[in-house]
Amino acid sequence: MNWTLIGAASALLGLAACSPALNWRTVPLPEAALTITLPCKPDHATRSVELAGAPVDLSMVGCEADGATFAVSHATLADPAQAGAALAHWHAAVLARLGGPQAQTGEQPFVPRGALPLPQSVRAVAQGQGPDGRAVAAQAVWFARPVGPQMRLYHAVVYTPKPRPEVADTFFTGLVLP
């Protein structure tokens, strides 16, 4: 086995996540009690949606860089008992937006420090189609944490033409709850 070649390949993969096109920066979201790391200057938006039968204001922060779209969304749920159902609903809605048949290539628990260890707190990779019909890969996470008598729900996603695990790893590692 050529250890030099393996070391060089590992170094190149690490550099790909830190490419000049990805200018990673820390972005505090005090209203979400979350700090994120994005590779570009974010845009912000809020809209009303329904999660598991309850209307919520969904706040989104996102940007595009190096052929990828990065987004973080968060909402407050009045009934903490509905957190698992709301995360499952959100997960299903994201997959439905991929249009056409999706190939989900894995799901694993995703519980950052400070989040609740719910079964619906996961990291997933799915492939489908974007609104323009082109192939798109979604690398996404969903998680929740209690905030007083309410529940804060979070979703972060990277959309790329093909999965880029090293970029998603950097993005998801930068999701920090206080």
N, C-alpha and C. Protein backbone atom coordinates (compact mmCIF):
# COMPACT_ATOMS: atom_id res chain seq x y z
N MET A 1 0.85 -1.17 0.00
CA MET A 1 0.00 0.00 0.00
C MET A 1 0.90 1.24 0.00
N ASN A 2 0.61 2.20 -0.83
CA ASN A 2 1.41 3.41 -0.94
C ASN A 2 0.88 4.46 0.03
N TRP A 3 1.50 4.56 1.23
CA TRP A 3 1.04 5.48 2.27
C TRP A 3 1.25 6.93 1.86
N THR A 4 2.26 7.21 1.05
CA THR A 4 2.49 8.58 0.59
C THR A 4 1.33 9.03 -0.29
N LEU A 5 0.90 8.16 -1.18
CA LEU A 5 -0.22 8.48 -2.07
C LEU A 5 -1.51 8.66 -1.28
N ILE A 6 -1.74 7.81 -0.28
CA ILE A 6 -2.93 7.93 0.56
C ILE A 6 -2.89 9.23 1.34
N GLY A 7 -1.74 9.59 1.89
CA GLY A 7 -1.59 10.86 2.63
C GLY A 7 -1.83 12.05 1.72
N ALA A 8 -1.31 12.01 0.51
CA ALA A 8 -1.51 13.12 -0.43
C ALA A 8 -2.98 13.25 -0.82
N ALA A 9 -3.64 12.13 -1.03
CA ALA A 9 -5.07 12.16 -1.37
C ALA A 9 -5.88 12.73 -0.22
N SER A 10 -5.54 12.35 1.02
CA SER A 10 -6.25 12.88 2.19
C SER A 10 -6.04 14.38 2.31
N ALA A 11 -4.83 14.83 2.06
CA ALA A 11 -4.55 16.27 2.13
C ALA A 11 -5.33 17.03 1.07
N LEU A 12 -5.43 16.47 -0.13
CA LEU A 12 -6.20 17.13 -1.18
C LEU A 12 -7.68 17.21 -0.83
N LEU A 13 -8.23 16.16 -0.23
CA LEU A 13 -9.63 16.19 0.19
C LEU A 13 -9.84 17.28 1.24
N GLY A 14 -8.91 17.40 2.18
CA GLY A 14 -9.02 18.44 3.20
C GLY A 14 -8.95 19.83 2.59
N LEU A 15 -8.08 20.01 1.61
CA LEU A 15 -7.97 21.30 0.95
C LEU A 15 -9.22 21.63 0.14
N ALA A 16 -9.88 20.63 -0.40
CA ALA A 16 -11.10 20.88 -1.18
C ALA A 16 -12.16 21.54 -0.32
N ALA A 17 -12.26 21.17 0.94
CA ALA A 17 -13.25 21.77 1.83
C ALA A 17 -12.86 23.20 2.17
N CYS A 18 -11.58 23.55 2.00
CA CYS A 18 -11.10 24.89 2.33
C CYS A 18 -10.66 25.62 1.07
N SER A 19 -11.26 25.32 -0.05
CA SER A 19 -10.86 25.94 -1.31
C SER A 19 -11.12 27.44 -1.27
N PRO A 20 -10.41 28.23 -2.10
CA PRO A 20 -10.61 29.67 -2.12
C PRO A 20 -12.07 30.05 -2.42
N ALA A 21 -12.80 29.22 -3.13
CA ALA A 21 -14.20 29.52 -3.44
C ALA A 21 -15.08 29.39 -2.20
N LEU A 22 -14.58 28.71 -1.16
CA LEU A 22 -15.34 28.54 0.07
C LEU A 22 -14.64 29.33 1.18
N ASN A 23 -15.08 30.56 1.36
CA ASN A 23 -14.51 31.46 2.35
C ASN A 23 -15.31 31.33 3.65
N TRP A 24 -15.02 30.30 4.45
CA TRP A 24 -15.80 29.99 5.63
C TRP A 24 -15.73 31.11 6.65
N ARG A 25 -16.89 31.45 7.23
CA ARG A 25 -16.99 32.49 8.25
C ARG A 25 -18.03 32.09 9.28
N THR A 26 -17.84 32.53 10.51
CA THR A 26 -18.78 32.26 11.59
C THR A 26 -19.89 33.30 11.54
N VAL A 27 -21.14 32.81 11.60
CA VAL A 27 -22.31 33.68 11.55
C VAL A 27 -23.17 33.39 12.77
N PRO A 28 -23.24 34.32 13.72
CA PRO A 28 -24.12 34.10 14.87
C PRO A 28 -25.58 34.35 14.50
N LEU A 29 -26.45 33.48 14.97
CA LEU A 29 -27.90 33.65 14.80
C LEU A 29 -28.52 33.73 16.20
N PRO A 30 -28.43 34.90 16.85
CA PRO A 30 -28.90 34.99 18.24
C PRO A 30 -30.38 34.64 18.41
N GLU A 31 -31.20 34.97 17.43
CA GLU A 31 -32.63 34.65 17.53
C GLU A 31 -32.89 33.15 17.49
N ALA A 32 -31.92 32.39 16.98
CA ALA A 32 -32.04 30.93 16.92
C ALA A 32 -31.23 30.24 18.00
N ALA A 33 -30.49 31.02 18.79
CA ALA A 33 -29.58 30.44 19.78
C ALA A 33 -28.66 29.42 19.10
N LEU A 34 -28.05 29.86 17.99
CA LEU A 34 -27.22 28.99 17.16
C LEU A 34 -26.14 29.83 16.51
N THR A 35 -24.95 29.26 16.39
CA THR A 35 -23.88 29.85 15.59
C THR A 35 -23.61 28.88 14.45
N ILE A 36 -23.47 29.42 13.24
CA ILE A 36 -23.23 28.58 12.08
C ILE A 36 -21.95 29.03 11.38
N THR A 37 -21.46 28.18 10.51
CA THR A 37 -20.31 28.52 9.67
C THR A 37 -20.77 28.39 8.23
N LEU A 38 -20.62 29.49 7.48
CA LEU A 38 -21.01 29.50 6.07
C LEU A 38 -19.82 29.91 5.22
N PRO A 39 -19.79 29.44 3.96
CA PRO A 39 -18.68 29.79 3.08
C PRO A 39 -18.93 31.05 2.25
N CYS A 40 -19.98 31.80 2.58
CA CYS A 40 -20.34 32.96 1.79
C CYS A 40 -21.25 33.87 2.62
N LYS A 41 -21.44 35.10 2.16
CA LYS A 41 -22.28 36.05 2.88
C LYS A 41 -23.74 35.62 2.76
N PRO A 42 -24.43 35.46 3.91
CA PRO A 42 -25.79 34.90 3.86
C PRO A 42 -26.88 35.93 3.57
N ASP A 43 -27.96 35.43 2.97
CA ASP A 43 -29.21 36.15 2.84
C ASP A 43 -30.15 35.60 3.91
N HIS A 44 -31.13 36.40 4.33
CA HIS A 44 -32.07 36.00 5.37
C HIS A 44 -33.50 36.12 4.85
N ALA A 45 -34.38 35.23 5.30
CA ALA A 45 -35.81 35.30 4.94
C ALA A 45 -36.62 34.60 6.03
N THR A 46 -37.88 34.97 6.13
CA THR A 46 -38.81 34.31 7.05
C THR A 46 -40.14 34.13 6.33
N ARG A 47 -40.78 32.98 6.57
CA ARG A 47 -42.10 32.74 6.00
C ARG A 47 -42.88 31.82 6.93
N SER A 48 -44.18 31.86 6.81
CA SER A 48 -45.04 30.98 7.61
C SER A 48 -45.21 29.66 6.89
N VAL A 49 -45.07 28.57 7.63
CA VAL A 49 -45.26 27.23 7.09
C VAL A 49 -46.01 26.40 8.13
N GLU A 50 -46.39 25.21 7.74
CA GLU A 50 -47.02 24.28 8.67
C GLU A 50 -46.07 23.11 8.90
N LEU A 51 -45.84 22.81 10.18
CA LEU A 51 -45.02 21.65 10.54
C LEU A 51 -45.84 20.77 11.46
N ALA A 52 -46.10 19.57 11.03
CA ALA A 52 -46.86 18.60 11.82
C ALA A 52 -48.18 19.19 12.31
N GLY A 53 -48.85 19.91 11.43
CA GLY A 53 -50.18 20.45 11.75
C GLY A 53 -50.19 21.75 12.50
N ALA A 54 -49.03 22.33 12.79
CA ALA A 54 -48.97 23.58 13.53
C ALA A 54 -48.32 24.67 12.66
N PRO A 55 -48.92 25.86 12.60
CA PRO A 55 -48.29 26.95 11.86
C PRO A 55 -47.08 27.48 12.64
N VAL A 56 -45.98 27.73 11.94
CA VAL A 56 -44.77 28.28 12.55
C VAL A 56 -44.15 29.31 11.60
N ASP A 57 -43.40 30.23 12.17
CA ASP A 57 -42.59 31.14 11.37
C ASP A 57 -41.24 30.47 11.17
N LEU A 58 -40.91 30.21 9.93
CA LEU A 58 -39.67 29.54 9.57
C LEU A 58 -38.67 30.59 9.10
N SER A 59 -37.56 30.72 9.81
CA SER A 59 -36.50 31.66 9.43
C SER A 59 -35.40 30.89 8.72
N MET A 60 -34.89 31.48 7.64
CA MET A 60 -33.88 30.82 6.83
C MET A 60 -32.69 31.75 6.62
N VAL A 61 -31.51 31.16 6.59
CA VAL A 61 -30.27 31.85 6.29
C VAL A 61 -29.56 30.99 5.27
N GLY A 62 -29.08 31.58 4.19
CA GLY A 62 -28.41 30.76 3.20
C GLY A 62 -27.60 31.56 2.21
N CYS A 63 -26.81 30.84 1.43
CA CYS A 63 -25.99 31.45 0.41
C CYS A 63 -25.54 30.39 -0.60
N GLU A 64 -24.93 30.87 -1.68
CA GLU A 64 -24.41 29.98 -2.72
C GLU A 64 -22.93 30.25 -2.91
N ALA A 65 -22.14 29.18 -3.02
CA ALA A 65 -20.71 29.29 -3.27
C ALA A 65 -20.19 28.01 -3.90
N ASP A 66 -19.29 28.14 -4.83
CA ASP A 66 -18.60 27.01 -5.43
C ASP A 66 -19.56 25.93 -5.94
N GLY A 67 -20.66 26.35 -6.56
CA GLY A 67 -21.62 25.41 -7.13
C GLY A 67 -22.51 24.72 -6.12
N ALA A 68 -22.53 25.22 -4.87
CA ALA A 68 -23.35 24.61 -3.82
C ALA A 68 -24.24 25.67 -3.17
N THR A 69 -25.39 25.22 -2.70
CA THR A 69 -26.29 26.08 -1.93
C THR A 69 -26.27 25.58 -0.49
N PHE A 70 -26.05 26.49 0.43
CA PHE A 70 -25.99 26.20 1.86
C PHE A 70 -27.15 26.91 2.53
N ALA A 71 -27.90 26.21 3.37
CA ALA A 71 -29.03 26.85 4.06
C ALA A 71 -29.22 26.27 5.45
N VAL A 72 -29.62 27.14 6.36
CA VAL A 72 -29.98 26.77 7.72
C VAL A 72 -31.34 27.39 8.00
N SER A 73 -32.27 26.58 8.48
CA SER A 73 -33.61 27.05 8.82
C SER A 73 -33.89 26.70 10.27
N HIS A 74 -34.74 27.51 10.89
CA HIS A 74 -35.12 27.23 12.28
C HIS A 74 -36.51 27.77 12.54
N ALA A 75 -37.19 27.11 13.47
CA ALA A 75 -38.55 27.51 13.84
C ALA A 75 -38.77 27.12 15.29
N THR A 76 -39.70 27.83 15.94
CA THR A 76 -40.07 27.51 17.31
C THR A 76 -41.42 26.84 17.31
N LEU A 77 -41.50 25.71 17.97
CA LEU A 77 -42.73 24.93 18.06
C LEU A 77 -43.29 25.11 19.47
N ALA A 78 -44.56 25.50 19.56
CA ALA A 78 -45.17 25.77 20.86
C ALA A 78 -45.34 24.50 21.69
N ASP A 79 -45.60 23.36 21.05
CA ASP A 79 -45.84 22.11 21.77
C ASP A 79 -44.61 21.21 21.67
N PRO A 80 -43.79 21.16 22.71
CA PRO A 80 -42.58 20.33 22.66
C PRO A 80 -42.85 18.85 22.38
N ALA A 81 -44.03 18.37 22.73
CA ALA A 81 -44.36 16.96 22.50
C ALA A 81 -44.43 16.63 21.01
N GLN A 82 -44.55 17.65 20.17
CA GLN A 82 -44.66 17.44 18.72
C GLN A 82 -43.31 17.53 17.99
N ALA A 83 -42.22 17.68 18.74
CA ALA A 83 -40.91 17.88 18.11
C ALA A 83 -40.54 16.75 17.15
N GLY A 84 -40.67 15.51 17.58
CA GLY A 84 -40.31 14.38 16.72
C GLY A 84 -41.16 14.33 15.46
N ALA A 85 -42.47 14.52 15.61
CA ALA A 85 -43.37 14.51 14.46
C ALA A 85 -43.05 15.67 13.51
N ALA A 86 -42.73 16.84 14.07
CA ALA A 86 -42.41 17.99 13.23
C ALA A 86 -41.11 17.77 12.45
N LEU A 87 -40.09 17.19 13.11
CA LEU A 87 -38.84 16.90 12.40
C LEU A 87 -39.07 15.88 11.29
N ALA A 88 -39.86 14.86 11.56
CA ALA A 88 -40.17 13.84 10.53
C ALA A 88 -40.92 14.48 9.36
N HIS A 89 -41.86 15.36 9.65
CA HIS A 89 -42.62 16.06 8.61
C HIS A 89 -41.68 16.92 7.77
N TRP A 90 -40.78 17.63 8.42
CA TRP A 90 -39.82 18.49 7.72
C TRP A 90 -38.91 17.67 6.83
N HIS A 91 -38.44 16.55 7.35
CA HIS A 91 -37.58 15.63 6.59
C HIS A 91 -38.31 15.17 5.32
N ALA A 92 -39.55 14.72 5.48
CA ALA A 92 -40.34 14.26 4.33
C ALA A 92 -40.58 15.38 3.31
N ALA A 93 -40.81 16.59 3.79
CA ALA A 93 -41.04 17.71 2.89
C ALA A 93 -39.80 18.03 2.06
N VAL A 94 -38.63 17.97 2.67
CA VAL A 94 -37.39 18.23 1.93
C VAL A 94 -37.20 17.17 0.85
N LEU A 95 -37.43 15.91 1.19
CA LEU A 95 -37.30 14.85 0.19
C LEU A 95 -38.32 15.02 -0.94
N ALA A 96 -39.54 15.43 -0.60
CA ALA A 96 -40.57 15.63 -1.63
C ALA A 96 -40.18 16.74 -2.60
N ARG A 97 -39.50 17.76 -2.10
CA ARG A 97 -39.09 18.88 -2.98
C ARG A 97 -38.00 18.46 -3.96
N LEU A 98 -37.37 17.31 -3.74
CA LEU A 98 -36.35 16.86 -4.68
C LEU A 98 -36.96 16.36 -5.98
N GLY A 99 -38.28 16.25 -6.06
CA GLY A 99 -38.95 15.88 -7.30
C GLY A 99 -38.48 14.55 -7.85
N GLY A 100 -39.37 13.84 -8.45
CA GLY A 100 -39.02 12.56 -9.05
C GLY A 100 -38.60 11.56 -7.99
N PRO A 101 -38.11 10.41 -8.44
CA PRO A 101 -37.70 9.39 -7.47
C PRO A 101 -36.42 9.82 -6.76
N GLN A 102 -36.41 9.66 -5.45
CA GLN A 102 -35.22 9.99 -4.68
C GLN A 102 -34.50 8.71 -4.30
N ALA A 103 -33.21 8.81 -4.27
CA ALA A 103 -32.39 7.72 -3.77
C ALA A 103 -31.75 8.22 -2.49
N GLN A 104 -32.22 7.72 -1.37
CA GLN A 104 -31.64 8.11 -0.09
C GLN A 104 -30.51 7.13 0.19
N THR A 105 -29.30 7.67 0.35
CA THR A 105 -28.13 6.81 0.45
C THR A 105 -27.58 6.72 1.86
N GLY A 106 -28.40 6.93 2.82
CA GLY A 106 -27.91 6.76 4.18
C GLY A 106 -28.51 7.76 5.12
N GLU A 107 -28.70 7.30 6.32
CA GLU A 107 -29.22 8.15 7.37
C GLU A 107 -28.54 7.71 8.65
N GLN A 108 -28.08 8.68 9.42
CA GLN A 108 -27.43 8.36 10.69
C GLN A 108 -27.84 9.41 11.71
N PRO A 109 -27.74 9.08 12.99
CA PRO A 109 -28.10 10.06 14.02
C PRO A 109 -27.24 11.32 13.90
N PHE A 110 -27.86 12.46 14.18
CA PHE A 110 -27.13 13.74 14.20
C PHE A 110 -27.65 14.52 15.40
N VAL A 111 -26.86 14.53 16.46
CA VAL A 111 -27.26 15.21 17.69
C VAL A 111 -26.10 16.07 18.17
N PRO A 112 -26.06 17.34 17.72
CA PRO A 112 -24.99 18.21 18.20
C PRO A 112 -25.10 18.43 19.71
N ARG A 113 -24.01 18.83 20.33
CA ARG A 113 -24.00 19.11 21.77
C ARG A 113 -25.10 20.13 22.07
N GLY A 114 -25.96 19.80 23.04
CA GLY A 114 -27.05 20.68 23.44
C GLY A 114 -28.38 20.35 22.79
N ALA A 115 -28.38 19.45 21.80
CA ALA A 115 -29.62 19.05 21.13
C ALA A 115 -30.23 17.84 21.82
N LEU A 116 -31.51 17.64 21.59
CA LEU A 116 -32.20 16.47 22.15
C LEU A 116 -31.87 15.22 21.32
N PRO A 117 -31.66 14.08 21.96
CA PRO A 117 -31.37 12.85 21.23
C PRO A 117 -32.65 12.18 20.71
N LEU A 118 -33.37 12.88 19.85
CA LEU A 118 -34.60 12.33 19.27
C LEU A 118 -34.26 11.36 18.13
N PRO A 119 -35.07 10.32 17.92
CA PRO A 119 -34.82 9.42 16.78
C PRO A 119 -34.89 10.15 15.44
N GLN A 120 -35.61 11.26 15.37
CA GLN A 120 -35.76 12.03 14.13
C GLN A 120 -34.63 13.03 13.91
N SER A 121 -33.68 13.12 14.85
CA SER A 121 -32.50 13.98 14.69
C SER A 121 -31.48 13.19 13.89
N VAL A 122 -31.42 13.48 12.60
CA VAL A 122 -30.62 12.66 11.69
C VAL A 122 -29.84 13.51 10.69
N ARG A 123 -28.86 12.83 10.09
CA ARG A 123 -28.14 13.35 8.93
C ARG A 123 -28.46 12.39 7.79
N ALA A 124 -28.83 12.94 6.65
CA ALA A 124 -29.21 12.11 5.51
C ALA A 124 -28.61 12.66 4.22
N VAL A 125 -28.44 11.79 3.26
CA VAL A 125 -28.03 12.16 1.91
C VAL A 125 -29.08 11.60 0.97
N ALA A 126 -29.60 12.44 0.10
CA ALA A 126 -30.61 12.00 -0.87
C ALA A 126 -30.31 12.63 -2.21
N GLN A 127 -30.66 11.94 -3.27
CA GLN A 127 -30.46 12.46 -4.61
C GLN A 127 -31.80 12.51 -5.32
N GLY A 128 -31.99 13.54 -6.12
CA GLY A 128 -33.23 13.71 -6.86
C GLY A 128 -33.03 14.74 -7.95
N GLN A 129 -34.08 15.54 -8.16
CA GLN A 129 -34.05 16.57 -9.20
C GLN A 129 -34.40 17.91 -8.60
N GLY A 130 -33.71 18.94 -9.09
CA GLY A 130 -34.04 20.30 -8.69
C GLY A 130 -35.22 20.80 -9.50
N PRO A 131 -35.68 22.02 -9.22
CA PRO A 131 -36.82 22.58 -9.96
C PRO A 131 -36.59 22.67 -11.46
N ASP A 132 -35.31 22.76 -11.87
CA ASP A 132 -34.98 22.85 -13.29
C ASP A 132 -34.81 21.48 -13.95
N GLY A 133 -35.03 20.40 -13.19
CA GLY A 133 -34.91 19.05 -13.73
C GLY A 133 -33.51 18.46 -13.66
N ARG A 134 -32.54 19.25 -13.24
CA ARG A 134 -31.16 18.75 -13.13
C ARG A 134 -31.00 17.90 -11.88
N ALA A 135 -30.02 17.01 -11.93
CA ALA A 135 -29.71 16.16 -10.77
C ALA A 135 -29.22 17.03 -9.62
N VAL A 136 -29.68 16.69 -8.42
CA VAL A 136 -29.25 17.42 -7.23
C VAL A 136 -29.10 16.43 -6.09
N ALA A 137 -28.06 16.66 -5.28
CA ALA A 137 -27.85 15.88 -4.06
C ALA A 137 -28.11 16.80 -2.88
N ALA A 138 -28.86 16.30 -1.93
CA ALA A 138 -29.12 17.04 -0.70
C ALA A 138 -28.43 16.30 0.44
N GLN A 139 -27.54 16.99 1.12
CA GLN A 139 -26.91 16.47 2.33
C GLN A 139 -27.49 17.33 3.45
N ALA A 140 -28.25 16.71 4.36
CA ALA A 140 -29.06 17.49 5.29
C ALA A 140 -29.05 16.93 6.70
N VAL A 141 -29.33 17.81 7.66
CA VAL A 141 -29.49 17.42 9.06
C VAL A 141 -30.74 18.08 9.62
N TRP A 142 -31.34 17.42 10.62
CA TRP A 142 -32.48 17.93 11.36
C TRP A 142 -32.21 17.64 12.84
N PHE A 143 -32.50 18.62 13.71
CA PHE A 143 -32.34 18.40 15.14
C PHE A 143 -33.19 19.41 15.90
N ALA A 144 -33.30 19.22 17.22
CA ALA A 144 -34.14 20.07 18.05
C ALA A 144 -33.52 20.27 19.43
N ARG A 145 -33.97 21.35 20.09
CA ARG A 145 -33.56 21.59 21.47
C ARG A 145 -34.65 22.37 22.18
N PRO A 146 -34.83 22.12 23.48
CA PRO A 146 -35.84 22.88 24.23
C PRO A 146 -35.33 24.29 24.51
N VAL A 147 -36.24 25.25 24.44
CA VAL A 147 -35.95 26.64 24.79
C VAL A 147 -37.11 27.10 25.66
N GLY A 148 -36.89 27.08 26.97
CA GLY A 148 -37.99 27.40 27.90
C GLY A 148 -39.10 26.38 27.72
N PRO A 149 -40.35 26.85 27.64
CA PRO A 149 -41.47 25.92 27.49
C PRO A 149 -41.71 25.49 26.03
N GLN A 150 -40.90 25.99 25.10
CA GLN A 150 -41.08 25.69 23.68
C GLN A 150 -39.94 24.82 23.16
N MET A 151 -40.06 24.42 21.90
CA MET A 151 -39.04 23.60 21.25
C MET A 151 -38.54 24.34 20.01
N ARG A 152 -37.23 24.44 19.89
CA ARG A 152 -36.62 25.05 18.70
C ARG A 152 -36.20 23.92 17.78
N LEU A 153 -36.63 23.98 16.52
CA LEU A 153 -36.30 22.98 15.50
C LEU A 153 -35.31 23.58 14.51
N TYR A 154 -34.38 22.76 14.03
CA TYR A 154 -33.35 23.22 13.11
C TYR A 154 -33.23 22.25 11.92
N HIS A 155 -32.86 22.83 10.78
CA HIS A 155 -32.58 22.04 9.58
C HIS A 155 -31.46 22.76 8.83
N ALA A 156 -30.44 22.01 8.44
CA ALA A 156 -29.37 22.56 7.62
C ALA A 156 -29.17 21.64 6.43
N VAL A 157 -28.86 22.24 5.27
CA VAL A 157 -28.74 21.43 4.06
C VAL A 157 -27.71 22.04 3.12
N VAL A 158 -27.04 21.16 2.38
CA VAL A 158 -26.15 21.55 1.29
C VAL A 158 -26.70 20.88 0.04
N TYR A 159 -27.01 21.69 -0.98
CA TYR A 159 -27.47 21.17 -2.27
C TYR A 159 -26.32 21.31 -3.27
N THR A 160 -25.97 20.20 -3.92
CA THR A 160 -24.90 20.18 -4.91
C THR A 160 -25.32 19.24 -6.05
N PRO A 161 -24.69 19.35 -7.22
CA PRO A 161 -25.02 18.40 -8.29
C PRO A 161 -24.70 16.95 -7.90
N LYS A 162 -23.60 16.75 -7.19
CA LYS A 162 -23.19 15.43 -6.69
C LYS A 162 -22.81 15.60 -5.23
N PRO A 163 -22.97 14.56 -4.39
CA PRO A 163 -22.60 14.71 -2.98
C PRO A 163 -21.15 15.15 -2.82
N ARG A 164 -20.94 16.07 -1.89
CA ARG A 164 -19.59 16.54 -1.54
C ARG A 164 -19.45 16.41 -0.02
N PRO A 165 -19.18 15.19 0.46
CA PRO A 165 -19.16 14.95 1.90
C PRO A 165 -18.19 15.84 2.68
N GLU A 166 -17.04 16.15 2.10
CA GLU A 166 -16.07 16.97 2.83
C GLU A 166 -16.59 18.38 3.07
N VAL A 167 -17.34 18.92 2.11
CA VAL A 167 -17.93 20.25 2.27
C VAL A 167 -19.07 20.19 3.29
N ALA A 168 -19.91 19.16 3.19
CA ALA A 168 -21.02 19.00 4.14
C ALA A 168 -20.47 18.80 5.56
N ASP A 169 -19.40 18.04 5.71
CA ASP A 169 -18.80 17.83 7.04
C ASP A 169 -18.39 19.15 7.66
N THR A 170 -17.73 20.00 6.88
CA THR A 170 -17.29 21.31 7.38
C THR A 170 -18.50 22.15 7.77
N PHE A 171 -19.51 22.16 6.93
CA PHE A 171 -20.73 22.94 7.19
C PHE A 171 -21.44 22.46 8.46
N PHE A 172 -21.66 21.16 8.58
CA PHE A 172 -22.39 20.62 9.72
C PHE A 172 -21.61 20.71 11.03
N THR A 173 -20.29 20.62 10.96
CA THR A 173 -19.46 20.78 12.15
C THR A 173 -19.58 22.20 12.69
N GLY A 174 -19.88 23.15 11.82
CA GLY A 174 -20.00 24.55 12.21
C GLY A 174 -21.35 24.92 12.81
N LEU A 175 -22.25 23.95 13.01
CA LEU A 175 -23.54 24.22 13.66
C LEU A 175 -23.34 24.06 15.16
N VAL A 176 -23.36 25.16 15.90
CA VAL A 176 -23.02 25.13 17.32
C VAL A 176 -24.14 25.75 18.15
N LEU A 177 -24.67 24.96 19.07
CA LEU A 177 -25.66 25.45 20.04
C LEU A 177 -24.89 25.93 21.27
N PRO A 178 -25.34 27.02 21.90
CA PRO A 178 -24.62 27.50 23.10
C PRO A 178 -24.77 26.55 24.27
